[in-house]
Amino acid sequence: MTPGGDVSAFANLPPAPEGAFGTLGMDFNDAGELFVAMASFDPTTHGIWKVSADGTEAAVFASLDVTGLPNVLDFHSDGNLFASDTLGGAVWKIGADGTAETWIADPLLAGLNPPGPLGIPIGSNGVIFDADESNLYVAVTDFNRVVKIPVNADGSAGTAMVFAEDADMLGGPDGVAWDSDGNLYVALLGTDAISSISPSGEITVVHQGEPLQNPSDVKFGRGDDSDTLFIANFAFLRFNGLVPGDPTPGILTISTAPMAATPPATGDPIVSQLGMIGLALGLALVLGGGALVFVSRRQQAV
């Protein structure tokens, strides 16, 4: 997807069987190779796929236990890839040779048992290291929390602890991203919202409600867009008829830049429609429409 919104196929992976999630989280290594979590539950395809930098080659990089669900990926600077296991309440560590091990499995990372309305436990989800890679942060969707896991000197996992938890302001956390000030922005799948968490654990709702529909991931732009938060508008619950309303999946943006010296006049719209981007990434992530949302820090009250 270009900056102008043009969409083209980069690589093709095998379709997942009916009822499986298929492709989920993605991350690049330093060589420009793309790594993709594939939740097919087929032993021949389930795990982490590696796609060449030009998109022409794709193959299984690491096979994973089909009882787990590889979801969100984050590379460590040492070359190890970390992947959340949403069903298993765990995090895998995958070496440069494709060897996988459970880095941590902890009750704080587990989902509901028995499962909630979606029929599966939704535990560890979004994962991200902090700036100096001394801690891994994990969003736990079913329990409206973000867990902090110290990284020991030998690379093993330390004792997991709750960094933030709140059913109202952190409802259904999924993808996560840091801003330049060390605040953690969280896509809230369950409450149609984006919240930020300060380094001390204070939660602020950045935006809630339309046009957000089950946002599933967030990433900050680069260069001139470094204050712009890009959001995957999942629309999963509406897409599957689990909540009322027409689904409008797409890519949204929120400006997190400080308020300008001259604030906009009262009543100015903060939502500007951009043109629809026709894109579908399967059951697990459907991206179709496009919209632009500007929310200054002055306008964060919900």
Protein backbone atom coordinates (compact mmCIF):
# COMPACT_ATOMS: atom_id res chain seq x y z
CA MET A 1 0.00 0.00 0.00
CA THR A 2 1.69 3.17 -1.20
CA PRO A 3 1.57 6.53 0.64
CA GLY A 4 -1.02 7.56 -1.94
CA GLY A 5 -3.25 4.59 -1.14
CA ASP A 6 -2.54 2.42 -4.21
CA VAL A 7 -2.81 -1.26 -3.33
CA SER A 8 -1.08 -4.22 -4.98
CA ALA A 9 -0.25 -7.81 -4.03
CA PHE A 10 3.24 -8.18 -2.52
CA ALA A 11 3.32 -11.92 -1.84
CA ASN A 12 0.91 -14.84 -1.83
CA LEU A 13 0.72 -17.40 0.96
CA PRO A 14 -1.42 -20.55 0.89
CA PRO A 15 -5.04 -19.97 1.88
CA ALA A 16 -5.96 -21.23 5.33
CA PRO A 17 -8.60 -23.95 5.71
CA GLU A 18 -12.17 -22.84 6.31
CA GLY A 19 -12.63 -21.68 9.90
CA ALA A 20 -8.93 -20.91 10.45
CA PHE A 21 -7.55 -17.41 10.92
CA GLY A 22 -4.86 -17.46 8.24
CA THR A 23 -2.29 -14.67 8.09
CA LEU A 24 -2.05 -12.42 11.15
CA GLY A 25 0.88 -10.35 12.48
CA MET A 26 3.85 -9.29 10.36
CA ASP A 27 7.31 -7.82 10.94
CA PHE A 28 10.45 -7.15 8.87
CA ASN A 29 14.00 -8.12 9.77
CA ASP A 30 16.99 -5.90 9.03
CA ALA A 31 17.50 -7.60 5.65
CA GLY A 32 14.05 -6.48 4.47
CA GLU A 33 12.57 -9.96 4.66
CA LEU A 34 8.96 -10.12 5.82
CA PHE A 35 7.90 -12.58 8.51
CA VAL A 36 4.23 -13.51 8.76
CA ALA A 37 2.28 -15.39 11.44
CA MET A 38 0.09 -18.05 9.83
CA ALA A 39 -2.65 -19.55 12.02
CA SER A 40 -3.86 -22.28 9.68
CA PHE A 41 -3.89 -25.16 12.22
CA ASP A 42 -2.54 -27.32 9.39
CA PRO A 43 0.82 -28.82 10.49
CA THR A 44 2.29 -28.20 7.03
CA THR A 45 1.63 -24.44 7.04
CA HIS A 46 0.97 -23.41 10.69
CA GLY A 47 3.68 -21.17 12.12
CA ILE A 48 5.90 -18.34 10.87
CA TRP A 49 6.46 -17.76 7.15
CA LYS A 50 9.37 -15.84 5.62
CA VAL A 51 8.86 -13.79 2.48
CA SER A 52 11.83 -12.58 0.43
CA ALA A 53 12.49 -8.83 0.20
CA ASP A 54 11.08 -8.71 -3.34
CA GLY A 55 8.02 -10.79 -2.43
CA THR A 56 8.73 -13.51 -4.97
CA GLU A 57 9.53 -16.32 -2.52
CA ALA A 58 7.59 -17.45 0.55
CA ALA A 59 8.17 -20.52 2.71
CA VAL A 60 7.63 -21.81 6.23
CA PHE A 61 10.39 -20.44 8.47
CA ALA A 62 9.30 -21.97 11.78
CA SER A 63 6.64 -24.62 12.31
CA LEU A 64 4.69 -24.13 15.53
CA ASP A 65 2.42 -26.30 17.67
CA VAL A 66 -1.05 -26.36 16.09
CA THR A 67 -2.64 -26.11 19.55
CA GLY A 68 -1.32 -22.53 19.73
CA LEU A 69 -2.19 -19.43 17.71
CA PRO A 70 0.75 -17.35 16.42
CA ASN A 71 -0.47 -13.79 16.28
CA VAL A 72 1.68 -10.66 16.70
CA LEU A 73 5.43 -10.52 15.95
CA ASP A 74 8.31 -8.35 17.15
CA PHE A 75 12.01 -8.71 16.37
CA HIS A 76 14.69 -8.29 19.03
CA SER A 77 17.94 -6.63 17.92
CA ASP A 78 19.78 -9.93 18.53
CA GLY A 79 17.87 -11.45 15.61
CA ASN A 80 15.39 -13.50 17.62
CA LEU A 81 11.74 -13.17 16.65
CA PHE A 82 9.09 -13.08 19.39
CA ALA A 83 5.52 -14.16 18.66
CA SER A 84 2.46 -14.09 20.89
CA ASP A 85 0.54 -17.35 21.34
CA THR A 86 -2.98 -16.06 21.84
CA LEU A 87 -4.56 -19.43 22.61
CA GLY A 88 -1.75 -20.67 24.83
CA GLY A 89 -1.28 -17.52 26.92
CA ALA A 90 2.38 -17.53 26.02
CA VAL A 91 5.14 -15.96 23.93
CA TRP A 92 7.39 -17.93 21.57
CA LYS A 93 11.03 -17.06 20.84
CA ILE A 94 12.20 -18.09 17.39
CA GLY A 95 15.88 -18.11 16.56
CA ALA A 96 17.57 -17.10 13.30
CA ASP A 97 17.61 -20.76 12.29
CA GLY A 98 13.85 -21.13 12.76
CA THR A 99 14.09 -23.05 16.03
CA ALA A 100 11.14 -22.15 18.26
CA GLU A 101 10.74 -22.38 22.03
CA THR A 102 8.25 -21.10 24.57
CA TRP A 103 9.92 -18.01 26.03
CA ILE A 104 7.24 -17.55 28.68
CA ALA A 105 3.86 -19.04 29.58
CA ASP A 106 2.17 -17.34 32.49
CA PRO A 107 -1.37 -17.12 33.96
CA LEU A 108 -1.24 -13.33 33.45
CA LEU A 109 -1.02 -13.96 29.70
CA ALA A 110 -3.90 -16.44 29.47
CA GLY A 111 -7.36 -15.72 28.09
CA LEU A 112 -10.73 -16.56 29.58
CA ASN A 113 -11.41 -20.18 30.54
CA PRO A 114 -14.10 -21.09 29.66
CA PRO A 115 -13.80 -18.81 26.62
CA GLY A 116 -15.82 -15.67 26.05
CA PRO A 117 -18.40 -15.01 23.30
CA LEU A 118 -15.95 -15.63 20.43
CA GLY A 119 -15.54 -19.22 21.56
CA ILE A 120 -11.77 -19.15 22.07
CA PRO A 121 -9.57 -17.70 24.82
CA ILE A 122 -7.94 -14.48 23.64
CA GLY A 123 -4.87 -14.09 25.80
CA SER A 124 -1.47 -12.71 24.78
CA ASN A 125 -1.92 -10.56 21.70
CA GLY A 126 0.07 -7.45 20.81
CA VAL A 127 3.78 -7.66 21.76
CA ILE A 128 6.47 -4.99 21.70
CA PHE A 129 9.88 -4.36 23.27
CA ASP A 130 10.65 -1.03 24.91
CA ALA A 131 13.38 1.23 23.55
CA ASP A 132 16.32 -0.47 25.28
CA GLU A 133 14.75 -3.94 24.96
CA SER A 134 14.89 -4.45 28.71
CA ASN A 135 11.19 -5.38 28.84
CA LEU A 136 8.61 -6.99 26.58
CA TYR A 137 5.07 -5.63 26.84
CA VAL A 138 2.13 -7.90 26.00
CA ALA A 139 -1.53 -6.95 25.53
CA VAL A 140 -3.90 -9.53 27.03
CA THR A 141 -7.23 -9.04 25.31
CA ASP A 142 -9.71 -10.97 27.48
CA PHE A 143 -8.52 -9.35 30.71
CA ASN A 144 -8.13 -5.73 29.52
CA ARG A 145 -4.51 -5.57 30.60
CA VAL A 146 -0.98 -4.97 29.42
CA VAL A 147 1.67 -7.17 31.02
CA LYS A 148 5.33 -6.17 31.44
CA ILE A 149 7.95 -8.93 31.24
CA PRO A 150 11.57 -8.06 32.13
CA VAL A 151 14.28 -9.53 29.90
CA ASN A 152 17.02 -11.15 32.00
CA ALA A 153 20.70 -10.67 31.19
CA ASP A 154 20.84 -14.13 29.62
CA GLY A 155 17.83 -13.38 27.41
CA SER A 156 15.36 -15.44 29.41
CA ALA A 157 12.03 -14.07 30.64
CA GLY A 158 11.77 -12.49 34.06
CA THR A 159 8.70 -12.40 36.28
CA ALA A 160 5.59 -11.13 34.48
CA MET A 161 3.72 -8.23 36.13
CA VAL A 162 0.66 -6.14 35.31
CA PHE A 163 1.68 -2.80 33.80
CA ALA A 164 -1.87 -1.47 33.31
CA GLU A 165 -5.37 -2.90 33.56
CA ASP A 166 -8.78 -1.26 33.20
CA ALA A 167 -12.00 -2.66 31.73
CA ASP A 168 -13.32 0.78 30.71
CA MET A 169 -10.19 2.55 29.44
CA LEU A 170 -8.31 -0.52 28.18
CA GLY A 171 -11.14 -2.74 26.95
CA GLY A 172 -9.96 -5.55 24.67
CA PRO A 173 -6.36 -4.46 23.95
CA ASP A 174 -4.73 -5.77 20.77
CA GLY A 175 -1.91 -4.07 18.82
CA VAL A 176 0.52 -1.70 20.56
CA ALA A 177 3.05 0.97 19.54
CA TRP A 178 5.38 3.42 21.32
CA ASP A 179 5.44 7.15 20.66
CA SER A 180 8.62 9.22 20.91
CA ASP A 181 7.84 10.17 24.53
CA GLY A 182 7.64 6.59 25.78
CA ASN A 183 3.84 6.40 25.85
CA LEU A 184 2.34 3.10 24.76
CA TYR A 185 -0.59 3.44 22.33
CA VAL A 186 -3.04 0.54 22.34
CA ALA A 187 -5.72 -0.50 19.84
CA LEU A 188 -8.81 -1.52 21.81
CA LEU A 189 -10.60 -4.22 19.86
CA GLY A 190 -13.42 -4.53 22.38
CA THR A 191 -14.40 -0.89 22.89
CA ASP A 192 -13.83 0.82 19.50
CA ALA A 193 -11.11 2.98 20.99
CA ILE A 194 -7.44 3.95 21.10
CA SER A 195 -5.82 4.60 24.48
CA SER A 196 -2.33 5.60 25.54
CA ILE A 197 -0.47 4.46 28.65
CA SER A 198 2.17 6.73 30.17
CA PRO A 199 5.50 5.34 31.42
CA SER A 200 4.01 5.38 34.94
CA GLY A 201 0.95 3.35 33.86
CA GLU A 202 -1.62 6.17 33.62
CA ILE A 203 -4.23 5.43 30.94
CA THR A 204 -5.73 8.10 28.65
CA VAL A 205 -8.46 7.50 26.07
CA VAL A 206 -7.25 9.14 22.85
CA HIS A 207 -10.36 8.51 20.75
CA GLN A 208 -13.43 6.31 21.10
CA GLY A 209 -16.34 5.59 18.78
CA GLU A 210 -16.83 6.09 15.06
CA PRO A 211 -15.12 5.75 12.73
CA LEU A 212 -13.20 3.25 14.88
CA GLN A 213 -14.59 -0.28 14.62
CA ASN A 214 -12.69 -2.93 16.58
CA PRO A 215 -9.24 -1.43 15.85
CA SER A 216 -6.71 -4.26 15.89
CA ASP A 217 -3.30 -2.69 15.37
CA VAL A 218 -1.45 0.62 15.53
CA LYS A 219 1.86 1.88 14.13
CA PHE A 220 3.48 5.31 14.09
CA GLY A 221 4.68 6.72 10.78
CA ARG A 222 8.21 7.83 9.97
CA GLY A 223 9.79 11.18 9.13
CA ASP A 224 7.12 13.84 8.68
CA ASP A 225 4.52 11.26 9.76
CA SER A 226 6.22 10.40 13.06
CA ASP A 227 3.33 12.01 15.00
CA THR A 228 0.72 10.16 12.95
CA LEU A 229 -0.72 6.93 14.30
CA PHE A 230 -1.89 4.50 11.60
CA ILE A 231 -4.71 2.18 12.68
CA ALA A 232 -5.99 -1.10 11.23
CA ASN A 233 -9.76 -0.73 11.51
CA PHE A 234 -10.64 -4.42 11.88
CA ALA A 235 -14.46 -4.14 11.98
CA PHE A 236 -14.44 -7.86 12.82
CA LEU A 237 -17.47 -7.92 15.11
CA ARG A 238 -19.63 -5.98 12.66
CA PHE A 239 -18.29 -7.97 9.72
CA ASN A 240 -19.49 -11.18 11.36
CA GLY A 241 -22.78 -9.78 12.68
CA LEU A 242 -21.74 -10.00 16.34
CA VAL A 243 -22.61 -6.34 16.92
CA PRO A 244 -25.04 -4.18 14.91
CA GLY A 245 -23.87 -1.78 12.24
CA ASP A 246 -22.30 -1.78 8.80
CA PRO A 247 -18.60 -2.73 8.81
CA THR A 248 -16.21 -0.13 7.42
CA PRO A 249 -12.80 -1.80 7.61
CA GLY A 250 -9.84 0.24 6.48
CA ILE A 251 -6.79 2.22 7.48
CA LEU A 252 -7.35 5.23 9.74
CA THR A 253 -4.92 7.80 11.09
CA ILE A 254 -4.83 9.94 14.23
CA SER A 255 -2.52 12.92 14.57
CA THR A 256 -0.85 12.98 18.00
CA ALA A 257 1.09 16.19 17.33
CA PRO A 258 0.86 18.92 20.00
CA MET A 259 -1.93 21.44 19.55
CA ALA A 260 -1.18 24.27 17.15
CA ALA A 261 -0.85 27.81 18.49
CA THR A 262 -4.20 28.71 16.91
CA PRO A 263 -6.75 26.02 17.71
CA PRO A 264 -9.44 25.15 15.15
CA ALA A 265 -12.77 26.86 15.51
CA THR A 266 -15.42 25.10 17.54
CA GLY A 267 -17.44 22.81 15.38
CA ASP A 268 -14.73 22.12 12.79
CA PRO A 269 -14.93 18.52 11.71
CA ILE A 270 -12.23 16.19 12.97
CA VAL A 271 -13.12 13.41 10.54
CA SER A 272 -12.26 13.71 6.85
CA GLN A 273 -13.13 10.86 4.49
CA LEU A 274 -10.30 9.85 2.13
CA GLY A 275 -11.44 7.52 -0.68
CA MET A 276 -12.13 3.83 -0.20
CA ILE A 277 -9.23 1.39 -0.47
CA GLY A 278 -10.53 -1.99 -1.66
CA LEU A 279 -8.46 -4.54 0.18
CA ALA A 280 -9.36 -7.79 1.94
CA LEU A 281 -6.84 -9.78 3.94
CA GLY A 282 -9.17 -12.65 4.88
CA LEU A 283 -11.23 -13.40 7.96
CA ALA A 284 -8.59 -12.38 10.47
CA LEU A 285 -7.84 -8.91 9.03
CA VAL A 286 -10.16 -7.25 6.52
CA LEU A 287 -8.97 -3.88 5.25
CA GLY A 288 -11.34 -2.22 2.82
CA GLY A 289 -12.18 1.43 3.42
CA GLY A 290 -10.12 4.46 4.21
CA ALA A 291 -10.62 7.45 6.45
CA LEU A 292 -8.57 10.12 8.11
CA VAL A 293 -9.15 11.14 11.71
CA PHE A 294 -7.34 14.07 13.30
CA VAL A 295 -7.53 14.17 17.09
CA SER A 296 -5.33 16.74 18.77
CA ARG A 297 -4.35 16.39 22.40
CA ARG A 298 -6.82 19.18 23.15
CA GLN A 299 -9.62 16.97 21.84
CA GLN A 300 -8.82 13.79 23.74
CA ALA A 301 -11.70 13.94 26.20
CA VAL A 302 -14.35 11.34 25.29
